[in-house]
Amino acid sequence: MNATKTYSFLLLFLFTFSFCSKKEVEEEQTAETYFPSLTTDTWETILPEDLNWNLNKIEELKTYLSEKNTKSFMVLYNGKIVLEEYFNNHTSTNNWYWASAGKTLTATIFGIAQDENLLNINDKVSDFLGIGWTSTTLEQENQITCKNLLSMTSGLDDTLGDAVFADNLKYVANAGTRWAYHNVYVKMQDVVANASNITWQNYFNTKLSDKIGMNGTWTDLGSLSVYWSNTRSMARFGLLIFANGKWENTQIVSESFLMEATNTSQNINNSYGYLWWLNGKPNYHLPQTQVQFNGELIPNAPADMYAALGKNDQKIYVVPSKKLVIIRMGESAEDSNFALSNFDNDLWEKINAVIE
């Protein structure tokens, strides 16, 4: 074979190989979302190299996560596991608390109850909890709707501690006129329980947990209820939300409710939905301050990302444009925090180095 023919053959080979590799990636990107088994722990995987991810940067990411007090980190691509890592003596069977990332569980259960016509987002909270569940006047209390609790616009004082007993729920502003990160959202669990005549735990298990194969538990801490689970259970919930509320052929929570929940819910904090944090908005508010900050919530993250963010860096990131669900559990990466931290933006810098 002469030099010209050899060169032509090599070009053809390289073109064919490149075309096939690109075609394989495109086929994977257009594949239907995968859902793991409900009865076993079987979960299909996809190799990072099949997605053309940077393998060298994966090792850097893992080192960074370990150094930042991470217990587990999991990445799903269109439902399949790409990365699943455990650090600092944590294992796949250990449970860990979701903290405020679990607020999104409460929002989702509310959506299911509304789908079942047990309540409506515009209903007064007092319709389900009775009069006197706050320390405000009757007129002030009757302004507070389910939507106000889901969007953090109850108008109740957010400086009186974590407890949500009536003595701690005092008036600051009319409902709907002030955004403040407040544990009063947990009253939605009582609302759902009273509307359904079923305990919160039983309603949660029957309507959500059992249907998507989660394995966790709610623990009462004073007047609050905190969810604990293993990492895969957190990933299952993230996958449900990524799939617009559908698990295989079953609609668990309506797509229309999730569309509302993961978009701006009020006109004060553009970066907040119904207990979900939203990226890509022009400004945002943070817990324990009334200051408006300009810019995106997490500049390094994709603009269409929305997130469940919990105390001390519990994370669920959902990125529809990249077909990703990303889970992080662990101790605080740096300083203690309520939701957003510098770690979010730094972590996304590391993730981008892997996936781009």
Protein backbone atom coordinates (compact mmCIF):
# COMPACT_ATOMS: atom_id res chain seq x y z
CA MET A 1 0.00 0.00 0.00
CA ASN A 2 1.55 3.34 -1.08
CA ALA A 3 1.74 6.41 1.15
CA THR A 4 -1.28 8.12 -0.41
CA LYS A 5 -3.52 5.11 0.06
CA THR A 6 -2.27 4.62 3.62
CA TYR A 7 -3.04 8.25 4.47
CA SER A 8 -6.51 7.98 2.93
CA PHE A 9 -7.20 4.81 4.87
CA LEU A 10 -6.18 6.45 8.15
CA LEU A 11 -8.40 9.45 7.47
CA LEU A 12 -11.34 7.17 6.73
CA PHE A 13 -10.70 5.17 9.89
CA LEU A 14 -10.46 8.26 12.06
CA PHE A 15 -13.59 9.76 10.54
CA THR A 16 -15.54 6.53 11.02
CA PHE A 17 -14.34 6.16 14.62
CA SER A 18 -15.18 9.78 15.42
CA PHE A 19 -18.59 9.48 13.77
CA CYS A 20 -19.43 6.30 15.67
CA SER A 21 -18.30 7.77 19.01
CA LYS A 22 -20.35 10.90 18.44
CA LYS A 23 -23.33 8.82 17.36
CA GLU A 24 -23.09 6.67 20.50
CA VAL A 25 -23.10 9.76 22.73
CA GLU A 26 -26.05 11.27 20.84
CA GLU A 27 -27.99 8.01 21.14
CA GLU A 28 -27.35 7.96 24.88
CA GLN A 29 -28.45 11.58 25.17
CA THR A 30 -31.76 10.87 23.42
CA ALA A 31 -32.43 7.63 25.32
CA GLU A 32 -35.44 7.37 27.59
CA THR A 33 -34.86 8.12 31.25
CA TYR A 34 -33.82 5.03 33.19
CA PHE A 35 -35.46 4.13 36.52
CA PRO A 36 -33.92 1.66 38.98
CA SER A 37 -35.80 -1.35 40.33
CA LEU A 38 -38.29 -0.92 43.16
CA THR A 39 -37.68 -4.39 44.55
CA THR A 40 -33.89 -4.75 44.36
CA ASP A 41 -30.89 -2.46 44.69
CA THR A 42 -30.08 -2.94 41.02
CA TRP A 43 -29.17 0.33 39.33
CA GLU A 44 -27.68 0.54 35.86
CA THR A 45 -24.51 2.53 35.30
CA ILE A 46 -22.87 4.39 32.47
CA LEU A 47 -19.13 5.00 32.26
CA PRO A 48 -17.88 8.60 32.37
CA GLU A 49 -15.77 7.95 29.28
CA ASP A 50 -18.93 7.01 27.37
CA LEU A 51 -20.07 10.58 28.00
CA ASN A 52 -16.68 11.99 27.01
CA TRP A 53 -16.07 13.24 30.55
CA ASN A 54 -12.58 14.15 31.71
CA LEU A 55 -11.30 11.18 33.72
CA ASN A 56 -8.33 13.05 35.19
CA LYS A 57 -10.61 15.74 36.57
CA ILE A 58 -12.78 13.08 38.23
CA GLU A 59 -9.90 12.14 40.50
CA GLU A 60 -9.41 15.81 41.37
CA LEU A 61 -13.12 16.12 42.15
CA LYS A 62 -13.04 13.06 44.43
CA THR A 63 -10.04 14.39 46.33
CA TYR A 64 -11.74 17.75 46.76
CA LEU A 65 -14.95 16.13 48.03
CA SER A 66 -13.08 14.02 50.56
CA GLU A 67 -11.18 17.05 51.85
CA LYS A 68 -14.44 18.98 52.20
CA ASN A 69 -16.02 16.58 54.73
CA THR A 70 -18.21 14.83 52.18
CA LYS A 71 -19.82 11.53 53.14
CA SER A 72 -21.34 10.63 49.77
CA PHE A 73 -21.50 11.98 46.25
CA MET A 74 -23.61 10.60 43.42
CA VAL A 75 -24.18 11.67 39.83
CA LEU A 76 -26.98 10.36 37.62
CA TYR A 77 -27.08 10.89 33.87
CA ASN A 78 -30.60 10.40 32.54
CA GLY A 79 -31.22 8.14 35.52
CA LYS A 80 -28.12 5.95 35.28
CA ILE A 81 -25.29 6.15 37.79
CA VAL A 82 -22.13 7.75 36.45
CA LEU A 83 -20.41 8.36 39.79
CA GLU A 84 -21.16 6.96 43.23
CA GLU A 85 -18.53 7.65 45.87
CA TYR A 86 -18.41 7.30 49.65
CA PHE A 87 -15.91 9.04 51.91
CA ASN A 88 -14.85 9.40 55.53
CA ASN A 89 -16.14 6.01 56.75
CA HIS A 90 -19.61 6.51 55.26
CA THR A 91 -21.14 3.63 53.25
CA SER A 92 -24.00 3.03 50.85
CA THR A 93 -26.18 1.68 53.68
CA ASN A 94 -25.62 4.52 56.16
CA ASN A 95 -28.40 7.05 56.62
CA TRP A 96 -27.72 10.77 56.85
CA TYR A 97 -29.98 13.75 57.49
CA TRP A 98 -31.33 15.84 54.63
CA ALA A 99 -31.81 18.93 56.81
CA SER A 100 -33.58 21.64 54.78
CA ALA A 101 -33.04 19.75 51.54
CA GLY A 102 -35.99 17.74 52.87
CA LYS A 103 -38.20 20.81 52.52
CA THR A 104 -38.62 19.72 48.90
CA LEU A 105 -40.11 16.43 50.11
CA THR A 106 -42.77 18.42 51.96
CA ALA A 107 -43.49 20.53 48.87
CA THR A 108 -43.83 17.39 46.74
CA ILE A 109 -46.20 15.72 49.19
CA PHE A 110 -48.30 18.88 49.23
CA GLY A 111 -48.46 18.67 45.44
CA ILE A 112 -49.66 15.07 45.63
CA ALA A 113 -52.35 16.00 48.15
CA GLN A 114 -53.48 18.85 45.90
CA ASP A 115 -53.57 16.47 42.93
CA GLU A 116 -55.92 14.32 45.01
CA ASN A 117 -58.15 17.36 45.66
CA LEU A 118 -57.57 17.15 49.41
CA LEU A 119 -56.56 20.82 49.54
CA ASN A 120 -55.58 23.78 47.38
CA ILE A 121 -52.52 25.97 47.44
CA ASN A 122 -54.68 29.06 48.03
CA ASP A 123 -56.45 27.57 51.07
CA LYS A 124 -55.93 29.25 54.42
CA VAL A 125 -53.64 27.28 56.73
CA SER A 126 -56.14 27.83 59.56
CA ASP A 127 -58.73 25.84 57.57
CA PHE A 128 -56.67 22.75 58.47
CA LEU A 129 -54.91 23.72 61.71
CA GLY A 130 -57.71 25.70 63.34
CA ILE A 131 -57.59 29.18 64.78
CA GLY A 132 -54.67 30.11 67.03
CA TRP A 133 -51.84 28.18 65.40
CA THR A 134 -49.86 31.47 65.48
CA SER A 135 -49.60 34.34 67.97
CA THR A 136 -50.94 36.84 65.45
CA THR A 137 -54.39 38.38 65.33
CA LEU A 138 -57.19 36.41 63.71
CA GLU A 139 -57.15 38.75 60.71
CA GLN A 140 -53.38 38.39 60.27
CA GLU A 141 -53.49 34.61 60.68
CA ASN A 142 -56.28 34.23 58.15
CA GLN A 143 -54.10 35.90 55.52
CA ILE A 144 -51.59 33.04 55.62
CA THR A 145 -52.21 30.48 52.89
CA CYS A 146 -50.57 27.20 51.97
CA LYS A 147 -48.79 29.08 49.18
CA ASN A 148 -47.30 31.49 51.72
CA LEU A 149 -45.76 28.58 53.64
CA LEU A 150 -44.41 26.95 50.48
CA SER A 151 -42.92 30.21 49.19
CA MET A 152 -41.56 31.49 52.56
CA THR A 153 -43.84 34.53 52.55
CA SER A 154 -45.86 33.91 55.74
CA GLY A 155 -44.95 37.30 57.21
CA LEU A 156 -44.01 35.62 60.51
CA ASP A 157 -40.94 36.60 62.52
CA ASP A 158 -37.89 34.56 61.44
CA THR A 159 -35.66 35.69 64.36
CA LEU A 160 -37.26 33.74 67.22
CA GLY A 161 -35.52 30.38 66.85
CA ASP A 162 -36.26 27.06 65.20
CA ALA A 163 -39.41 26.06 67.09
CA VAL A 164 -42.74 26.46 65.34
CA PHE A 165 -45.03 26.47 68.37
CA ALA A 166 -47.61 29.27 68.41
CA ASP A 167 -45.58 31.35 70.89
CA ASN A 168 -42.76 31.57 68.33
CA LEU A 169 -44.95 32.47 65.39
CA LYS A 170 -45.35 36.22 65.68
CA TYR A 171 -46.40 38.84 63.16
CA VAL A 172 -43.85 40.96 61.29
CA ALA A 173 -45.61 41.77 58.02
CA ASN A 174 -48.72 40.87 56.08
CA ALA A 175 -48.52 37.50 54.39
CA GLY A 176 -47.16 37.76 50.87
CA THR A 177 -45.26 41.01 51.42
CA ARG A 178 -41.99 39.72 52.94
CA TRP A 179 -39.73 36.76 52.08
CA ALA A 180 -37.96 35.12 55.03
CA TYR A 181 -36.48 31.65 55.41
CA HIS A 182 -38.56 30.15 58.22
CA ASN A 183 -39.17 26.70 59.68
CA VAL A 184 -42.90 27.42 59.70
CA TYR A 185 -43.03 25.52 56.38
CA VAL A 186 -43.13 22.33 58.49
CA LYS A 187 -46.74 23.17 59.35
CA MET A 188 -47.55 21.94 55.85
CA GLN A 189 -46.96 18.43 57.16
CA ASP A 190 -49.76 18.93 59.71
CA VAL A 191 -51.93 20.45 56.99
CA VAL A 192 -51.52 17.39 54.77
CA ALA A 193 -52.08 14.98 57.69
CA ASN A 194 -55.30 16.75 58.71
CA ALA A 195 -56.53 17.05 55.12
CA SER A 196 -55.97 13.34 54.45
CA ASN A 197 -56.85 11.97 57.91
CA ILE A 198 -53.62 9.95 57.70
CA THR A 199 -50.43 10.52 59.67
CA TRP A 200 -47.70 12.42 57.84
CA GLN A 201 -45.35 9.43 57.90
CA ASN A 202 -47.99 7.05 56.49
CA TYR A 203 -49.12 9.47 53.80
CA PHE A 204 -45.51 10.12 52.81
CA ASN A 205 -44.69 6.42 52.61
CA THR A 206 -47.83 5.43 50.73
CA LYS A 207 -47.90 8.27 48.23
CA LEU A 208 -44.19 8.83 47.58
CA SER A 209 -41.55 6.75 49.33
CA ASP A 210 -42.93 3.28 48.56
CA LYS A 211 -43.73 4.21 44.97
CA ILE A 212 -40.16 5.14 44.07
CA GLY A 213 -38.25 2.74 46.31
CA MET A 214 -36.97 5.16 48.94
CA ASN A 215 -35.83 3.82 52.29
CA GLY A 216 -35.73 6.49 54.96
CA THR A 217 -37.45 7.81 58.04
CA TRP A 218 -38.71 11.04 59.58
CA THR A 219 -37.27 11.96 62.98
CA ASP A 220 -38.97 14.47 65.25
CA LEU A 221 -36.66 17.10 66.70
CA GLY A 222 -38.83 19.19 68.96
CA SER A 223 -41.44 20.81 66.73
CA LEU A 224 -39.54 19.92 63.54
CA SER A 225 -39.45 16.74 61.49
CA VAL A 226 -36.21 15.88 59.67
CA TYR A 227 -35.77 13.19 57.03
CA TRP A 228 -32.89 10.68 57.08
CA SER A 229 -32.00 8.22 54.31
CA ASN A 230 -29.16 6.63 52.42
CA THR A 231 -27.70 8.33 49.37
CA ARG A 232 -29.54 6.25 46.79
CA SER A 233 -32.89 7.18 48.33
CA MET A 234 -32.00 10.84 47.95
CA ALA A 235 -31.01 10.14 44.35
CA ARG A 236 -34.32 8.37 43.69
CA PHE A 237 -36.19 11.47 44.78
CA GLY A 238 -33.99 13.69 42.63
CA LEU A 239 -34.64 11.40 39.68
CA LEU A 240 -38.41 11.63 40.20
CA ILE A 241 -38.22 15.42 40.07
CA PHE A 242 -35.93 15.32 37.02
CA ALA A 243 -38.52 13.11 35.31
CA ASN A 244 -41.24 15.73 35.93
CA GLY A 245 -42.92 13.76 38.69
CA LYS A 246 -43.15 10.50 36.79
CA TRP A 247 -41.66 7.14 37.78
CA GLU A 248 -41.61 4.85 34.75
CA ASN A 249 -45.27 4.91 33.63
CA THR A 250 -46.75 6.26 36.87
CA GLN A 251 -47.30 9.96 37.51
CA ILE A 252 -46.53 10.38 41.21
CA VAL A 253 -46.98 14.16 41.39
CA SER A 254 -48.35 16.29 38.59
CA GLU A 255 -45.95 17.91 36.16
CA SER A 256 -47.95 21.13 36.40
CA PHE A 257 -47.33 21.38 40.14
CA LEU A 258 -43.61 20.72 39.75
CA MET A 259 -43.46 23.38 37.05
CA GLU A 260 -44.82 25.88 39.59
CA ALA A 261 -42.60 24.54 42.37
CA THR A 262 -39.39 24.94 40.38
CA ASN A 263 -40.08 28.44 39.10
CA THR A 264 -40.20 31.79 40.93
CA SER A 265 -43.09 31.64 43.40
CA GLN A 266 -43.38 35.29 44.48
CA ASN A 267 -42.05 38.72 43.49
CA ILE A 268 -39.51 39.21 46.31
CA ASN A 269 -36.95 36.41 46.01
CA ASN A 270 -36.63 35.51 42.32
CA SER A 271 -34.46 32.52 43.19
CA TYR A 272 -37.05 30.66 45.27
CA GLY A 273 -39.90 28.41 44.18
CA TYR A 274 -41.97 26.19 46.46
CA LEU A 275 -39.16 25.23 48.86
CA TRP A 276 -36.79 24.79 45.88
CA TRP A 277 -33.83 27.11 45.19
CA LEU A 278 -33.55 28.31 41.59
CA ASN A 279 -30.46 29.22 39.62
CA GLY A 280 -30.22 31.55 36.64
CA LYS A 281 -32.24 34.40 38.14
CA PRO A 282 -31.05 38.05 38.26
CA ASN A 283 -31.01 38.26 42.07
CA TYR A 284 -31.66 36.32 45.26
CA HIS A 285 -32.23 36.54 49.01
CA LEU A 286 -30.56 34.39 51.67
CA PRO A 287 -31.71 33.14 55.10
CA GLN A 288 -31.61 35.58 58.02
CA THR A 289 -31.29 38.70 55.92
CA GLN A 290 -33.60 41.01 54.01
CA VAL A 291 -30.80 42.09 51.67
CA GLN A 292 -31.22 41.46 47.96
CA PHE A 293 -28.07 40.15 46.26
CA ASN A 294 -27.61 40.74 42.55
CA GLY A 295 -26.52 37.96 40.25
CA GLU A 296 -27.21 34.24 39.97
CA LEU A 297 -27.48 32.01 43.02
CA ILE A 298 -24.64 29.72 41.88
CA PRO A 299 -22.82 31.40 38.96
CA ASN A 300 -20.78 28.32 38.01
CA ALA A 301 -23.85 26.09 37.78
CA PRO A 302 -26.10 25.82 34.70
CA ALA A 303 -28.76 28.51 34.55
CA ASP A 304 -31.62 25.98 34.43
CA MET A 305 -30.48 24.15 37.57
CA TYR A 306 -32.75 24.02 40.60
CA ALA A 307 -31.70 22.63 43.95
CA ALA A 308 -32.69 21.28 47.33
CA LEU A 309 -30.22 22.85 49.75
CA GLY A 310 -29.90 21.78 53.38
CA LYS A 311 -27.94 22.85 56.43
CA ASN A 312 -24.26 22.00 56.34
CA ASP A 313 -24.19 21.33 52.61
CA GLN A 314 -26.77 18.64 51.95
CA LYS A 315 -27.45 18.99 48.21
CA ILE A 316 -29.72 17.79 45.44
CA TYR A 317 -28.92 19.49 42.13
CA VAL A 318 -31.27 18.89 39.20
CA VAL A 319 -30.07 20.07 35.77
CA PRO A 320 -32.59 19.29 32.98
CA SER A 321 -30.40 20.65 30.15
CA LYS A 322 -27.57 18.27 31.02
CA LYS A 323 -29.79 15.38 32.19
CA LEU A 324 -28.03 15.38 35.54
CA VAL A 325 -29.07 14.73 39.12
CA ILE A 326 -26.27 15.28 41.63
CA ILE A 327 -26.32 14.35 45.32
CA ARG A 328 -23.97 15.48 48.08
CA MET A 329 -24.31 14.42 51.74
CA GLY A 330 -21.91 15.16 54.57
CA GLU A 331 -20.68 17.52 57.22
CA SER A 332 -20.34 21.21 56.44
CA ALA A 333 -17.68 21.71 53.76
CA GLU A 334 -16.41 24.83 55.49
CA ASP A 335 -18.44 26.96 57.90
CA SER A 336 -21.87 25.99 59.19
CA ASN A 337 -24.64 27.27 56.92
CA PHE A 338 -28.40 27.11 56.49
CA ALA A 339 -28.62 26.42 52.75
CA LEU A 340 -26.41 28.10 50.15
CA SER A 341 -22.65 28.32 50.81
CA ASN A 342 -19.46 29.15 48.92
CA PHE A 343 -19.03 25.41 48.55
CA ASP A 344 -21.85 25.30 45.96
CA ASN A 345 -20.02 27.53 43.51
CA ASP A 346 -16.63 25.94 44.16
CA LEU A 347 -18.06 22.45 43.75
CA TRP A 348 -19.64 23.39 40.43
CA GLU A 349 -16.28 24.63 39.18
CA LYS A 350 -14.95 21.12 39.84
CA ILE A 351 -17.98 19.45 38.27
CA ASN A 352 -17.72 21.60 35.15
CA ALA A 353 -14.11 20.52 34.71
CA VAL A 354 -15.36 16.93 34.57
CA ILE A 355 -18.40 17.26 32.32
CA GLU A 356 -17.37 19.99 29.87
